[in-house]
PDB file of N, CA and C in Angstrom:
ATOM      1  N   MET A   1     -20.607  26.033  13.580  1.00  0.00           N
ATOM      2  CA  MET A   1     -20.757  25.831  12.117  1.00  0.00           C
ATOM      3  C   MET A   1     -21.494  24.396  11.871  1.00  0.00           C
ATOM      4  N   PRO A   2     -22.557  24.248  11.386  1.00  0.00           N
ATOM      5  CA  PRO A   2     -23.240  22.991  11.272  1.00  0.00           C
ATOM      6  C   PRO A   2     -22.684  22.139  10.192  1.00  0.00           C
ATOM      7  N   ALA A   3     -22.359  20.856  10.446  1.00  0.00           N
ATOM      8  CA  ALA A   3     -21.876  19.963   9.443  1.00  0.00           C
ATOM      9  C   ALA A   3     -23.009  18.848   9.326  1.00  0.00           C
ATOM     10  N   TYR A   4     -23.306  18.455   7.975  1.00  0.00           N
ATOM     11  CA  TYR A   4     -24.322  17.439   7.737  1.00  0.00           C
ATOM     12  C   TYR A   4     -23.578  16.390   6.984  1.00  0.00           C
ATOM     13  N   TYR A   5     -23.623  15.174   7.639  1.00  0.00           N
ATOM     14  CA  TYR A   5     -23.086  13.946   6.871  1.00  0.00           C
ATOM     15  C   TYR A   5     -24.108  13.313   5.918  1.00  0.00           C
ATOM     16  N   ILE A   6     -23.777  13.270   4.785  1.00  0.00           N
ATOM     17  CA  ILE A   6     -24.942  12.689   3.620  1.00  0.00           C
ATOM     18  C   ILE A   6     -24.432  11.483   3.279  1.00  0.00           C
ATOM     19  N   GLU A   7     -25.062  10.451   3.573  1.00  0.00           N
ATOM     20  CA  GLU A   7     -24.659   8.904   3.270  1.00  0.00           C
ATOM     21  C   GLU A   7     -25.245   8.533   1.982  1.00  0.00           C
ATOM     22  N   SER A   8     -24.976   7.542   1.693  1.00  0.00           N
ATOM     23  CA  SER A   8     -25.215   7.092   0.214  1.00  0.00           C
ATOM     24  C   SER A   8     -26.654   6.787  -0.064  1.00  0.00           C
ATOM     25  N   SER A   9     -27.660   6.451   0.791  1.00  0.00           N
ATOM     26  CA  SER A   9     -29.055   6.477   0.571  1.00  0.00           C
ATOM     27  C   SER A   9     -29.445   7.913   0.272  1.00  0.00           C
ATOM     28  N   ALA A  10     -29.003   8.707   1.016  1.00  0.00           N
ATOM     29  CA  ALA A  10     -29.581  10.287   0.860  1.00  0.00           C
ATOM     30  C   ALA A  10     -29.056  10.656  -0.419  1.00  0.00           C
ATOM     31  N   TRP A  11     -27.747  10.550  -0.806  1.00  0.00           N
ATOM     32  CA  TRP A  11     -27.294  10.896  -2.341  1.00  0.00           C
ATOM     33  C   TRP A  11     -28.252  10.233  -3.181  1.00  0.00           C
ATOM     34  N   LEU A  12     -28.622   8.901  -3.116  1.00  0.00           N
ATOM     35  CA  LEU A  12     -29.298   8.327  -4.264  1.00  0.00           C
ATOM     36  C   LEU A  12     -30.725   8.940  -4.338  1.00  0.00           C
ATOM     37  N   LYS A  13     -31.266   9.380  -3.231  1.00  0.00           N
ATOM     38  CA  LYS A  13     -32.568  10.090  -3.298  1.00  0.00           C
ATOM     39  C   LYS A  13     -32.473  11.326  -4.184  1.00  0.00           C
ATOM     40  N   ARG A  14     -31.319  11.753  -4.336  1.00  0.00           N
ATOM     41  CA  ARG A  14     -31.044  13.139  -5.257  1.00  0.00           C
ATOM     42  C   ARG A  14     -31.176  12.689  -6.626  1.00  0.00           C
ATOM     43  N   TYR A  15     -30.876  11.437  -6.928  1.00  0.00           N
ATOM     44  CA  TYR A  15     -30.981  11.012  -8.368  1.00  0.00           C
ATOM     45  C   TYR A  15     -32.019  10.112  -8.868  1.00  0.00           C
ATOM     46  N   LYS A  16     -32.708   9.748  -7.875  1.00  0.00           N
ATOM     47  CA  LYS A  16     -33.930   8.819  -8.059  1.00  0.00           C
ATOM     48  C   LYS A  16     -35.010   9.267  -7.261  1.00  0.00           C
ATOM     49  N   SER A  17     -36.114   9.719  -7.844  1.00  0.00           N
ATOM     50  CA  SER A  17     -37.218  10.312  -7.165  1.00  0.00           C
ATOM     51  C   SER A  17     -37.698   9.234  -6.308  1.00  0.00           C
ATOM     52  N   GLU A  18     -37.910   9.431  -4.989  1.00  0.00           N
ATOM     53  CA  GLU A  18     -38.511   8.606  -3.966  1.00  0.00           C
ATOM     54  C   GLU A  18     -38.818   9.393  -2.735  1.00  0.00           C
ATOM     55  N   ILE A  19     -39.464   8.921  -1.848  1.00  0.00           N
ATOM     56  CA  ILE A  19     -39.639   9.428  -0.476  1.00  0.00           C
ATOM     57  C   ILE A  19     -38.305   9.931   0.234  1.00  0.00           C
ATOM     58  N   GLY A  20     -38.390  11.317   0.426  1.00  0.00           N
ATOM     59  CA  GLY A  20     -37.255  11.927   0.979  1.00  0.00           C
ATOM     60  C   GLY A  20     -36.251  12.711  -0.078  1.00  0.00           C
ATOM     61  N   SER A  21     -36.694  12.561  -1.196  1.00  0.00           N
ATOM     62  CA  SER A  21     -35.889  13.080  -2.293  1.00  0.00           C
ATOM     63  C   SER A  21     -35.844  14.739  -2.071  1.00  0.00           C
ATOM     64  N   GLU A  22     -37.093  15.172  -1.794  1.00  0.00           N
ATOM     65  CA  GLU A  22     -37.185  16.743  -1.640  1.00  0.00           C
ATOM     66  C   GLU A  22     -36.448  17.173  -0.407  1.00  0.00           C
ATOM     67  N   VAL A  23     -36.344  16.514   0.654  1.00  0.00           N
ATOM     68  CA  VAL A  23     -35.592  16.981   1.674  1.00  0.00           C
ATOM     69  C   VAL A  23     -34.057  17.097   1.406  1.00  0.00           C
ATOM     70  N   VAL A  24     -33.547  16.132   0.616  1.00  0.00           N
ATOM     71  CA  VAL A  24     -32.282  16.107   0.221  1.00  0.00           C
ATOM     72  C   VAL A  24     -31.871  17.187  -0.724  1.00  0.00           C
ATOM     73  N   ASN A  25     -32.855  17.531  -1.697  1.00  0.00           N
ATOM     74  CA  ASN A  25     -32.757  18.645  -2.667  1.00  0.00           C
ATOM     75  C   ASN A  25     -32.881  19.987  -2.062  1.00  0.00           C
ATOM     76  N   GLU A  26     -33.677  20.060  -0.869  1.00  0.00           N
ATOM     77  CA  GLU A  26     -33.761  21.197  -0.102  1.00  0.00           C
ATOM     78  C   GLU A  26     -32.447  21.738   0.756  1.00  0.00           C
ATOM     79  N   LEU A  27     -32.017  20.465   1.215  1.00  0.00           N
ATOM     80  CA  LEU A  27     -30.778  20.649   2.100  1.00  0.00           C
ATOM     81  C   LEU A  27     -29.685  21.161   1.152  1.00  0.00           C
ATOM     82  N   LEU A  28     -29.377  20.587   0.011  1.00  0.00           N
ATOM     83  CA  LEU A  28     -28.520  21.000  -0.949  1.00  0.00           C
ATOM     84  C   LEU A  28     -28.566  22.410  -1.346  1.00  0.00           C
ATOM     85  N   ALA A  29     -29.773  22.670  -1.813  1.00  0.00           N
ATOM     86  CA  ALA A  29     -30.121  23.998  -2.575  1.00  0.00           C
ATOM     87  C   ALA A  29     -30.247  24.993  -1.486  1.00  0.00           C
ATOM     88  N   GLY A  30     -30.480  24.800  -0.211  1.00  0.00           N
ATOM     89  CA  GLY A  30     -30.536  25.832   0.911  1.00  0.00           C
ATOM     90  C   GLY A  30     -29.207  26.037   1.710  1.00  0.00           C
ATOM     91  N   ARG A  31     -28.049  25.341   1.295  1.00  0.00           N
ATOM     92  CA  ARG A  31     -26.957  25.558   1.998  1.00  0.00           C
ATOM     93  C   ARG A  31     -26.515  26.931   2.316  1.00  0.00           C
ATOM     94  N   THR A  32     -26.054  27.258   3.568  1.00  0.00           N
ATOM     95  CA  THR A  32     -25.673  28.508   3.716  1.00  0.00           C
ATOM     96  C   THR A  32     -24.120  28.466   3.998  1.00  0.00           C
ATOM     97  N   ALA A  33     -23.567  29.619   3.848  1.00  0.00           N
ATOM     98  CA  ALA A  33     -21.941  29.672   3.898  1.00  0.00           C
ATOM     99  C   ALA A  33     -21.385  29.089   5.142  1.00  0.00           C
ATOM    100  N   ASP A  34     -22.198  28.969   6.125  1.00  0.00           N
ATOM    101  CA  ASP A  34     -21.463  28.347   7.327  1.00  0.00           C
ATOM    102  C   ASP A  34     -21.770  26.884   7.564  1.00  0.00           C
ATOM    103  N   GLU A  35     -22.508  26.193   6.589  1.00  0.00           N
ATOM    104  CA  GLU A  35     -22.756  24.853   6.801  1.00  0.00           C
ATOM    105  C   GLU A  35     -21.709  23.897   5.747  1.00  0.00           C
ATOM    106  N   ILE A  36     -21.350  22.946   6.397  1.00  0.00           N
ATOM    107  CA  ILE A  36     -20.462  21.958   5.862  1.00  0.00           C
ATOM    108  C   ILE A  36     -21.168  20.599   5.460  1.00  0.00           C
ATOM    109  N   PHE A  37     -21.000  20.103   4.387  1.00  0.00           N
ATOM    110  CA  PHE A  37     -21.526  18.815   3.898  1.00  0.00           C
ATOM    111  C   PHE A  37     -20.267  17.872   3.873  1.00  0.00           C
ATOM    112  N   VAL A  38     -20.738  16.590   4.633  1.00  0.00           N
ATOM    113  CA  VAL A  38     -19.543  15.760   4.435  1.00  0.00           C
ATOM    114  C   VAL A  38     -20.071  14.287   4.210  1.00  0.00           C
ATOM    115  N   THR A  39     -19.353  13.463   3.365  1.00  0.00           N
ATOM    116  CA  THR A  39     -19.617  12.323   3.112  1.00  0.00           C
ATOM    117  C   THR A  39     -18.312  11.253   3.264  1.00  0.00           C
ATOM    118  N   SER A  40     -18.383  10.172   2.893  1.00  0.00           N
ATOM    119  CA  SER A  40     -17.039   9.188   3.020  1.00  0.00           C
ATOM    120  C   SER A  40     -16.803   8.537   1.581  1.00  0.00           C
ATOM    121  N   HIS A  41     -15.625   8.014   1.636  1.00  0.00           N
ATOM    122  CA  HIS A  41     -15.127   7.218   0.464  1.00  0.00           C
ATOM    123  C   HIS A  41     -16.157   6.124   0.133  1.00  0.00           C
ATOM    124  N   LEU A  42     -16.661   5.591   1.398  1.00  0.00           N
ATOM    125  CA  LEU A  42     -17.607   4.447   1.412  1.00  0.00           C
ATOM    126  C   LEU A  42     -18.863   4.907   0.546  1.00  0.00           C
ATOM    127  N   SER A  43     -19.401   5.985   0.816  1.00  0.00           N
ATOM    128  CA  SER A  43     -20.597   6.635   0.060  1.00  0.00           C
ATOM    129  C   SER A  43     -20.364   6.648  -1.245  1.00  0.00           C
ATOM    130  N   VAL A  44     -19.218   7.142  -1.545  1.00  0.00           N
ATOM    131  CA  VAL A  44     -18.930   7.574  -2.922  1.00  0.00           C
ATOM    132  C   VAL A  44     -18.837   6.082  -3.776  1.00  0.00           C
ATOM    133  N   LEU A  45     -18.228   5.076  -3.114  1.00  0.00           N
ATOM    134  CA  LEU A  45     -18.398   3.666  -3.756  1.00  0.00           C
ATOM    135  C   LEU A  45     -19.619   3.292  -3.829  1.00  0.00           C
ATOM    136  N   GLU A  46     -20.544   3.287  -2.774  1.00  0.00           N
ATOM    137  CA  GLU A  46     -21.823   2.720  -2.659  1.00  0.00           C
ATOM    138  C   GLU A  46     -22.738   3.322  -3.721  1.00  0.00           C
ATOM    139  N   VAL A  47     -22.657   4.790  -3.936  1.00  0.00           N
ATOM    140  CA  VAL A  47     -23.491   5.301  -5.104  1.00  0.00           C
ATOM    141  C   VAL A  47     -23.119   4.892  -6.344  1.00  0.00           C
ATOM    142  N   SER A  48     -21.721   4.664  -6.641  1.00  0.00           N
ATOM    143  CA  SER A  48     -21.300   4.432  -7.918  1.00  0.00           C
ATOM    144  C   SER A  48     -21.703   2.866  -8.177  1.00  0.00           C
ATOM    145  N   THR A  49     -21.676   2.085  -7.178  1.00  0.00           N
ATOM    146  CA  THR A  49     -22.130   0.616  -7.215  1.00  0.00           C
ATOM    147  C   THR A  49     -23.542   0.615  -7.667  1.00  0.00           C
ATOM    148  N   VAL A  50     -24.436   1.297  -6.829  1.00  0.00           N
ATOM    149  CA  VAL A  50     -25.880   1.231  -7.175  1.00  0.00           C
ATOM    150  C   VAL A  50     -26.125   1.679  -8.668  1.00  0.00           C
ATOM    151  N   ALA A  51     -25.357   2.726  -9.104  1.00  0.00           N
ATOM    152  CA  ALA A  51     -25.494   3.128 -10.521  1.00  0.00           C
ATOM    153  C   ALA A  51     -25.160   1.994 -11.477  1.00  0.00           C
ATOM    154  N   ALA A  52     -24.121   1.383 -11.295  1.00  0.00           N
ATOM    155  CA  ALA A  52     -23.624   0.142 -12.049  1.00  0.00           C
ATOM    156  C   ALA A  52     -24.560  -0.878 -12.029  1.00  0.00           C
ATOM    157  N   ARG A  53     -25.061  -1.345 -10.849  1.00  0.00           N
ATOM    158  CA  ARG A  53     -25.992  -2.404 -10.750  1.00  0.00           C
ATOM    159  C   ARG A  53     -27.298  -1.988 -11.661  1.00  0.00           C
ATOM    160  N   LEU A  54     -27.832  -0.777 -11.436  1.00  0.00           N
ATOM    161  CA  LEU A  54     -29.006  -0.112 -12.212  1.00  0.00           C
ATOM    162  C   LEU A  54     -28.655  -0.456 -13.756  1.00  0.00           C
ATOM    163  N   LEU A  55     -27.593  -0.031 -14.290  1.00  0.00           N
ATOM    164  CA  LEU A  55     -27.131  -0.207 -15.618  1.00  0.00           C
ATOM    165  C   LEU A  55     -27.152  -1.632 -15.875  1.00  0.00           C
ATOM    166  N   LYS A  56     -26.422  -2.372 -15.347  1.00  0.00           N
ATOM    167  CA  LYS A  56     -26.319  -3.826 -15.589  1.00  0.00           C
ATOM    168  C   LYS A  56     -27.630  -4.462 -15.629  1.00  0.00           C
ATOM    169  N   GLY A  57     -28.510  -4.215 -14.701  1.00  0.00           N
ATOM    170  CA  GLY A  57     -30.042  -4.672 -14.628  1.00  0.00           C
ATOM    171  C   GLY A  57     -30.885  -4.041 -15.608  1.00  0.00           C
ATOM    172  N   ARG A  58     -30.265  -3.267 -16.491  1.00  0.00           N
ATOM    173  CA  ARG A  58     -31.058  -2.445 -17.576  1.00  0.00           C
ATOM    174  C   ARG A  58     -32.354  -1.549 -16.880  1.00  0.00           C
ATOM    175  N   ALA A  59     -32.079  -1.178 -15.716  1.00  0.00           N
ATOM    176  CA  ALA A  59     -33.303  -0.328 -15.077  1.00  0.00           C
ATOM    177  C   ALA A  59     -32.900   1.109 -15.545  1.00  0.00           C
ATOM    178  N   ILE A  60     -31.774   1.398 -15.938  1.00  0.00           N
ATOM    179  CA  ILE A  60     -31.527   2.629 -16.536  1.00  0.00           C
ATOM    180  C   ILE A  60     -30.574   2.359 -17.844  1.00  0.00           C
ATOM    181  N   THR A  61     -30.628   3.483 -18.735  1.00  0.00           N
ATOM    182  CA  THR A  61     -29.745   3.295 -19.977  1.00  0.00           C
ATOM    183  C   THR A  61     -28.414   3.926 -19.702  1.00  0.00           C
ATOM    184  N   PRO A  62     -27.366   3.653 -20.669  1.00  0.00           N
ATOM    185  CA  PRO A  62     -26.182   4.025 -20.361  1.00  0.00           C
ATOM    186  C   PRO A  62     -26.087   5.581 -20.289  1.00  0.00           C
ATOM    187  N   SER A  63     -26.934   6.404 -20.924  1.00  0.00           N
ATOM    188  CA  SER A  63     -26.939   7.832 -20.948  1.00  0.00           C
ATOM    189  C   SER A  63     -27.456   8.182 -19.488  1.00  0.00           C
ATOM    190  N   GLN A  64     -28.303   7.453 -18.984  1.00  0.00           N
ATOM    191  CA  GLN A  64     -28.968   7.927 -17.728  1.00  0.00           C
ATOM    192  C   GLN A  64     -27.878   7.507 -16.721  1.00  0.00           C
ATOM    193  N   TYR A  65     -27.101   6.456 -16.869  1.00  0.00           N
ATOM    194  CA  TYR A  65     -25.959   6.179 -15.807  1.00  0.00           C
ATOM    195  C   TYR A  65     -24.797   7.070 -15.958  1.00  0.00           C
ATOM    196  N   GLU A  66     -24.480   7.696 -17.071  1.00  0.00           N
ATOM    197  CA  GLU A  66     -23.420   8.679 -17.336  1.00  0.00           C
ATOM    198  C   GLU A  66     -24.066   9.922 -16.529  1.00  0.00           C
ATOM    199  N   ARG A  67     -25.245  10.185 -16.664  1.00  0.00           N
ATOM    200  CA  ARG A  67     -25.890  11.423 -16.096  1.00  0.00           C
ATOM    201  C   ARG A  67     -25.865  11.356 -14.599  1.00  0.00           C
ATOM    202  N   MET A  68     -26.135  10.163 -14.148  1.00  0.00           N
ATOM    203  CA  MET A  68     -26.160   9.978 -12.747  1.00  0.00           C
ATOM    204  C   MET A  68     -24.787  10.041 -12.080  1.00  0.00           C
ATOM    205  N   VAL A  69     -23.906   9.314 -12.542  1.00  0.00           N
ATOM    206  CA  VAL A  69     -22.581   9.488 -12.085  1.00  0.00           C
ATOM    207  C   VAL A  69     -21.915  10.812 -12.267  1.00  0.00           C
ATOM    208  N   GLY A  70     -22.151  11.430 -13.379  1.00  0.00           N
ATOM    209  CA  GLY A  70     -21.629  12.839 -13.662  1.00  0.00           C
ATOM    210  C   GLY A  70     -22.129  13.767 -12.521  1.00  0.00           C
ATOM    211  N   THR A  71     -23.583  13.624 -12.424  1.00  0.00           N
ATOM    212  CA  THR A  71     -24.200  14.704 -11.587  1.00  0.00           C
ATOM    213  C   THR A  71     -23.679  14.478 -10.065  1.00  0.00           C
ATOM    214  N   PHE A  72     -23.620  13.270  -9.760  1.00  0.00           N
ATOM    215  CA  PHE A  72     -23.087  12.995  -8.364  1.00  0.00           C
ATOM    216  C   PHE A  72     -21.484  13.694  -8.221  1.00  0.00           C
ATOM    217  N   ALA A  73     -20.695  13.435  -9.168  1.00  0.00           N
ATOM    218  CA  ALA A  73     -19.380  13.921  -9.169  1.00  0.00           C
ATOM    219  C   ALA A  73     -19.394  15.583  -9.058  1.00  0.00           C
ATOM    220  N   ARG A  74     -20.355  16.104  -9.929  1.00  0.00           N
ATOM    221  CA  ARG A  74     -20.382  17.521  -9.775  1.00  0.00           C
ATOM    222  C   ARG A  74     -21.210  18.146  -8.517  1.00  0.00           C
ATOM    223  N   ASP A  75     -22.094  17.371  -7.991  1.00  0.00           N
ATOM    224  CA  ASP A  75     -22.676  17.699  -6.713  1.00  0.00           C
ATOM    225  C   ASP A  75     -21.618  17.737  -5.640  1.00  0.00           C
ATOM    226  N   LEU A  76     -20.754  16.873  -5.633  1.00  0.00           N
ATOM    227  CA  LEU A  76     -19.562  16.704  -4.800  1.00  0.00           C
ATOM    228  C   LEU A  76     -18.704  17.967  -4.587  1.00  0.00           C
ATOM    229  N   SER A  77     -18.579  18.377  -6.036  1.00  0.00           N
ATOM    230  CA  SER A  77     -17.448  19.577  -6.264  1.00  0.00           C
ATOM    231  C   SER A  77     -18.214  20.710  -5.905  1.00  0.00           C
ATOM    232  N   THR A  78     -19.545  20.936  -6.508  1.00  0.00           N
ATOM    233  CA  THR A  78     -20.220  22.155  -6.404  1.00  0.00           C
ATOM    234  C   THR A  78     -20.579  22.576  -5.041  1.00  0.00           C
ATOM    235  N   HIS A  79     -20.833  21.590  -4.208  1.00  0.00           N
ATOM    236  CA  HIS A  79     -21.351  21.884  -2.851  1.00  0.00           C
ATOM    237  C   HIS A  79     -20.260  21.654  -1.813  1.00  0.00           C
ATOM    238  N   GLY A  80     -19.132  21.581  -2.519  1.00  0.00           N
ATOM    239  CA  GLY A  80     -17.752  21.479  -1.483  1.00  0.00           C
ATOM    240  C   GLY A  80     -17.755  20.500  -0.409  1.00  0.00           C
ATOM    241  N   VAL A  81     -18.481  19.302  -0.836  1.00  0.00           N
ATOM    242  CA  VAL A  81     -18.518  18.296   0.142  1.00  0.00           C
ATOM    243  C   VAL A  81     -17.142  17.631   0.520  1.00  0.00           C
ATOM    244  N   VAL A  82     -16.994  17.654   1.930  1.00  0.00           N
ATOM    245  CA  VAL A  82     -15.798  16.988   2.343  1.00  0.00           C
ATOM    246  C   VAL A  82     -15.853  15.563   2.306  1.00  0.00           C
ATOM    247  N   ILE A  83     -14.949  14.831   1.626  1.00  0.00           N
ATOM    248  CA  ILE A  83     -14.855  13.353   1.488  1.00  0.00           C
ATOM    249  C   ILE A  83     -14.123  12.923   2.754  1.00  0.00           C
ATOM    250  N   LEU A  84     -14.446  12.165   3.535  1.00  0.00           N
ATOM    251  CA  LEU A  84     -13.775  11.456   4.655  1.00  0.00           C
ATOM    252  C   LEU A  84     -13.157  10.262   4.186  1.00  0.00           C
ATOM    253  N   PRO A  85     -11.761   9.974   4.391  1.00  0.00           N
ATOM    254  CA  PRO A  85     -11.286   8.679   3.796  1.00  0.00           C
ATOM    255  C   PRO A  85     -11.470   7.632   4.741  1.00  0.00           C
ATOM    256  N   LEU A  86     -11.361   6.437   4.202  1.00  0.00           N
ATOM    257  CA  LEU A  86     -11.696   5.215   4.857  1.00  0.00           C
ATOM    258  C   LEU A  86     -10.188   4.635   5.152  1.00  0.00           C
ATOM    259  N   PHE A  87      -9.828   4.768   6.380  1.00  0.00           N
ATOM    260  CA  PHE A  87      -8.409   4.320   6.726  1.00  0.00           C
ATOM    261  C   PHE A  87      -8.282   2.866   6.931  1.00  0.00           C
ATOM    262  N   HIS A  88      -7.236   2.315   6.682  1.00  0.00           N
ATOM    263  CA  HIS A  88      -6.948   0.852   6.863  1.00  0.00           C
ATOM    264  C   HIS A  88      -7.108   0.516   8.266  1.00  0.00           C
ATOM    265  N   THR A  89      -6.690   1.266   9.325  1.00  0.00           N
ATOM    266  CA  THR A  89      -6.929   1.084  10.724  1.00  0.00           C
ATOM    267  C   THR A  89      -8.302   1.033  11.068  1.00  0.00           C
ATOM    268  N   LEU A  90      -9.216   1.868  10.471  1.00  0.00           N
ATOM    269  CA  LEU A  90     -10.719   1.801  10.687  1.00  0.00           C
ATOM    270  C   LEU A  90     -11.377   0.344  10.207  1.00  0.00           C
ATOM    271  N   VAL A  91     -10.861   0.036   9.208  1.00  0.00           N
ATOM    272  CA  VAL A  91     -11.345  -1.176   8.628  1.00  0.00           C
ATOM    273  C   VAL A  91     -10.835  -2.264   9.558  1.00  0.00           C
ATOM    274  N   GLN A  92      -9.699  -2.462   9.777  1.00  0.00           N
ATOM    275  CA  GLN A  92      -9.075  -3.479  10.575  1.00  0.00           C
ATOM    276  C   GLN A  92      -9.691  -3.586  12.187  1.00  0.00           C
ATOM    277  N   GLU A  93      -9.915  -2.329  12.679  1.00  0.00           N
ATOM    278  CA  GLU A  93     -10.582  -2.223  13.994  1.00  0.00           C
ATOM    279  C   GLU A  93     -12.042  -2.919  13.782  1.00  0.00           C
ATOM    280  N   SER A  94     -12.769  -2.481  12.702  1.00  0.00           N
ATOM    281  CA  SER A  94     -14.127  -3.039  12.521  1.00  0.00           C
ATOM    282  C   SER A  94     -14.178  -4.543  12.420  1.00  0.00           C
ATOM    283  N   MET A  95     -13.184  -5.036  11.776  1.00  0.00           N
ATOM    284  CA  MET A  95     -13.053  -6.516  11.644  1.00  0.00           C
ATOM    285  C   MET A  95     -12.770  -7.061  12.780  1.00  0.00           C
ATOM    286  N   GLU A  96     -12.079  -6.541  13.758  1.00  0.00           N
ATOM    287  CA  GLU A  96     -11.972  -7.126  15.051  1.00  0.00           C
ATOM    288  C   GLU A  96     -13.122  -7.026  15.979  1.00  0.00           C
ATOM    289  N   LEU A  97     -13.983  -6.101  15.717  1.00  0.00           N
ATOM    290  CA  LEU A  97     -15.221  -5.892  16.571  1.00  0.00           C
ATOM    291  C   LEU A  97     -16.377  -6.945  16.029  1.00  0.00           C
ATOM    292  N   LEU A  98     -16.289  -7.388  14.865  1.00  0.00           N
ATOM    293  CA  LEU A  98     -17.290  -8.116  14.249  1.00  0.00           C
ATOM    294  C   LEU A  98     -17.680  -9.396  15.000  1.00  0.00           C
ATOM    295  N   PRO A  99     -16.699 -10.046  15.610  1.00  0.00           N
ATOM    296  CA  PRO A  99     -17.230 -11.198  16.257  1.00  0.00           C
ATOM    297  C   PRO A  99     -18.035 -11.054  17.352  1.00  0.00           C
ATOM    298  N   GLN A 100     -17.899  -9.815  18.166  1.00  0.00           N
ATOM    299  CA  GLN A 100     -18.533  -9.471  19.372  1.00  0.00           C
ATOM    300  C   GLN A 100     -19.780  -8.620  18.981  1.00  0.00           C
ATOM    301  N   TYR A 101     -19.744  -7.857  17.884  1.00  0.00           N
ATOM    302  CA  TYR A 101     -20.808  -6.870  17.882  1.00  0.00           C
ATOM    303  C   TYR A 101     -21.290  -7.019  16.410  1.00  0.00           C
ATOM    304  N   PRO A 102     -22.665  -6.924  16.206  1.00  0.00           N
ATOM    305  CA  PRO A 102     -23.250  -7.171  14.787  1.00  0.00           C
ATOM    306  C   PRO A 102     -23.073  -5.643  14.096  1.00  0.00           C
ATOM    307  N   LEU A 103     -21.990  -5.287  13.624  1.00  0.00           N
ATOM    308  CA  LEU A 103     -21.892  -4.177  12.955  1.00  0.00           C
ATOM    309  C   LEU A 103     -22.563  -4.187  11.442  1.00  0.00           C
ATOM    310  N   ARG A 104     -22.822  -3.091  10.994  1.00  0.00           N
ATOM    311  CA  ARG A 104     -23.234  -2.862   9.517  1.00  0.00           C
ATOM    312  C   ARG A 104     -22.420  -1.963   9.012  1.00  0.00           C
ATOM    313  N   THR A 105     -22.384  -1.975   7.553  1.00  0.00           N
ATOM    314  CA  THR A 105     -21.755  -0.962   6.707  1.00  0.00           C
ATOM    315  C   THR A 105     -22.701   0.220   6.880  1.00  0.00           C
ATOM    316  N   GLY A 106     -22.270   1.369   6.288  1.00  0.00           N
ATOM    317  CA  GLY A 106     -22.990   2.650   6.240  1.00  0.00           C
ATOM    318  C   GLY A 106     -23.869   2.724   5.209  1.00  0.00           C
ATOM    319  N   SER A 107     -24.652   1.617   4.730  1.00  0.00           N
ATOM    320  CA  SER A 107     -25.524   1.834   3.652  1.00  0.00           C
ATOM    321  C   SER A 107     -27.000   2.010   3.954  1.00  0.00           C
TER     322      SER A 107
END
């Protein structure tokens, strides 16, 4: 059973036309019964943050913001996306690794 992790920049390609948008759209449209789509709470937060920044910067209108956020929520539900939780222990372990390793967030 194939599982596809869809991170925030891939989700955003679904809502803003850019290079790679067609790949994300085809992946979601062509999902088969044995495929699983996965994302994380961090991706949900990042997509919502980008939408809010676009609205605040007046790059999108309030109605476009509502459509973007609403479509994202519907996509998560419609495609049965499994949302992986972000546990405190994961954050704590990451914080402990930062002095030794140049970790990045999943953006």
